[in-house]
Amino acid sequence: MTLDITLVQACGPSQVQEWRLQVPAGTTLGQALQLAFGPAGALRSTTPADTADAWLQAAAAGEVGVWGRVEPASTPLHDGDRIERYRALRVDPKTARRERYRKRAKPQAR
């Protein structure tokens, strides 16, 4: 039996890369990333080397998760799971929202 999983990463605002992968039942999060991006990984030849290395480094740093939750590499996967690679925020979301509001705000006539 195999599990169908999806690997997703946000490259930038409104830019998402997504890959689909089949792994054996009982595979953990860490094993799935090795199967995808390790030296003999299924996606290693179709992705840039820096992308594959970034996934492995993110896993080692605890910056990957399943369905929006950071999980350890020992987490068992289930059919249909979505593995996500997280990146650090460059701007505080509240600050960005305030700046967007200021740019859109029209001067009020008195």
Protein backbone atom coordinates (compact mmCIF):
# COMPACT_ATOMS: atom_id res chain seq x y z
CA MET A 1 0.00 0.00 0.00
CA THR A 2 1.22 3.51 -0.78
CA LEU A 3 0.34 6.94 0.54
CA ASP A 4 -0.27 9.93 -1.71
CA ILE A 5 1.25 13.04 -0.16
CA THR A 6 1.74 16.61 -1.33
CA LEU A 7 4.79 18.77 -0.64
CA VAL A 8 4.18 22.54 -0.68
CA GLN A 9 6.35 25.61 -0.23
CA ALA A 10 5.65 29.31 -0.54
CA CYS A 11 8.33 30.94 -2.68
CA GLY A 12 7.03 34.45 -2.19
CA PRO A 13 3.81 36.40 -2.04
CA SER A 14 1.17 34.53 -4.06
CA GLN A 15 3.78 32.04 -5.33
CA VAL A 16 3.44 28.40 -4.34
CA GLN A 17 5.29 25.32 -5.55
CA GLU A 18 3.63 21.95 -5.15
CA TRP A 19 4.79 18.39 -5.78
CA ARG A 20 2.95 15.09 -5.44
CA LEU A 21 4.70 11.98 -4.21
CA GLN A 22 3.80 8.39 -3.41
CA VAL A 23 5.51 6.83 -0.40
CA PRO A 24 5.15 3.42 1.27
CA ALA A 25 2.63 3.09 4.11
CA GLY A 26 4.24 3.72 7.49
CA THR A 27 6.58 6.43 6.19
CA THR A 28 7.45 9.23 8.60
CA LEU A 29 7.82 12.91 7.77
CA GLY A 30 11.63 12.71 7.79
CA GLN A 31 11.66 9.59 5.65
CA ALA A 32 9.31 11.20 3.11
CA LEU A 33 11.61 14.19 2.75
CA GLN A 34 14.58 11.88 2.19
CA LEU A 35 12.58 9.92 -0.39
CA ALA A 36 11.73 13.20 -2.12
CA PHE A 37 14.89 15.29 -1.82
CA GLY A 38 17.66 12.99 -0.56
CA PRO A 39 20.62 11.99 -2.75
CA ALA A 40 18.53 9.42 -4.63
CA GLY A 41 15.22 11.22 -4.08
CA ALA A 42 12.37 11.06 -6.55
CA LEU A 43 12.19 14.86 -6.87
CA ARG A 44 15.92 15.55 -6.67
CA SER A 45 16.41 15.45 -10.44
CA THR A 46 13.37 17.63 -11.21
CA THR A 47 14.03 20.44 -8.70
CA PRO A 48 16.96 22.82 -8.44
CA ALA A 49 19.67 21.60 -6.05
CA ASP A 50 19.20 24.61 -3.78
CA THR A 51 15.48 23.83 -3.42
CA ALA A 52 16.15 20.22 -2.46
CA ASP A 53 18.86 21.26 -0.01
CA ALA A 54 16.58 23.95 1.45
CA TRP A 55 13.92 21.31 2.20
CA LEU A 56 16.42 19.09 3.97
CA GLN A 57 17.83 22.03 5.95
CA ALA A 58 14.32 23.16 6.91
CA ALA A 59 13.54 19.67 8.15
CA ALA A 60 16.69 19.66 10.28
CA ALA A 61 15.76 23.09 11.69
CA GLY A 62 12.18 22.09 12.48
CA GLU A 63 10.65 24.35 9.83
CA VAL A 64 8.41 21.76 8.18
CA GLY A 65 5.05 20.48 9.18
CA VAL A 66 1.87 18.72 8.19
CA TRP A 67 -1.32 20.66 7.53
CA GLY A 68 -0.15 23.91 9.12
CA ARG A 69 1.41 22.44 12.26
CA VAL A 70 5.14 22.05 12.83
CA GLU A 71 5.83 18.36 13.39
CA PRO A 72 8.94 16.35 14.28
CA ALA A 73 10.59 14.15 11.66
CA SER A 74 9.26 11.06 13.44
CA THR A 75 5.63 11.94 12.71
CA PRO A 76 3.90 9.14 10.77
CA LEU A 77 2.16 10.25 7.60
CA HIS A 78 -1.34 9.43 6.40
CA ASP A 79 -2.81 9.22 2.93
CA GLY A 80 -3.52 12.71 1.58
CA ASP A 81 -1.21 14.56 4.00
CA ARG A 82 0.20 17.91 2.96
CA ILE A 83 3.80 18.52 4.01
CA GLU A 84 4.65 22.20 4.16
CA ARG A 85 7.95 24.07 4.33
CA TYR A 86 7.73 27.28 6.30
CA ARG A 87 9.75 30.43 5.81
CA ALA A 88 10.33 33.24 8.24
CA LEU A 89 8.14 36.31 8.03
CA ARG A 90 9.99 39.29 6.62
CA VAL A 91 7.46 41.83 7.90
CA ASP A 92 5.10 41.70 10.84
CA PRO A 93 1.59 41.12 9.37
CA LYS A 94 0.05 43.86 11.51
CA THR A 95 2.65 46.37 10.34
CA ALA A 96 2.14 45.37 6.71
CA ARG A 97 -1.62 45.79 7.05
CA ARG A 98 -1.19 49.26 8.57
CA GLU A 99 1.14 50.30 5.75
CA ARG A 100 -1.30 49.08 3.10
CA TYR A 101 -4.09 51.03 4.80
CA ARG A 102 -2.00 54.20 4.89
CA LYS A 103 -1.23 53.93 1.18
CA ARG A 104 -4.90 53.46 0.31
CA ALA A 105 -6.27 56.09 2.68
CA LYS A 106 -7.35 59.24 0.92
CA PRO A 107 -6.69 62.63 2.50
CA GLN A 108 -9.87 63.93 4.09
CA ALA A 109 -11.02 67.41 3.19
CA ARG A 110 -12.01 69.66 6.11
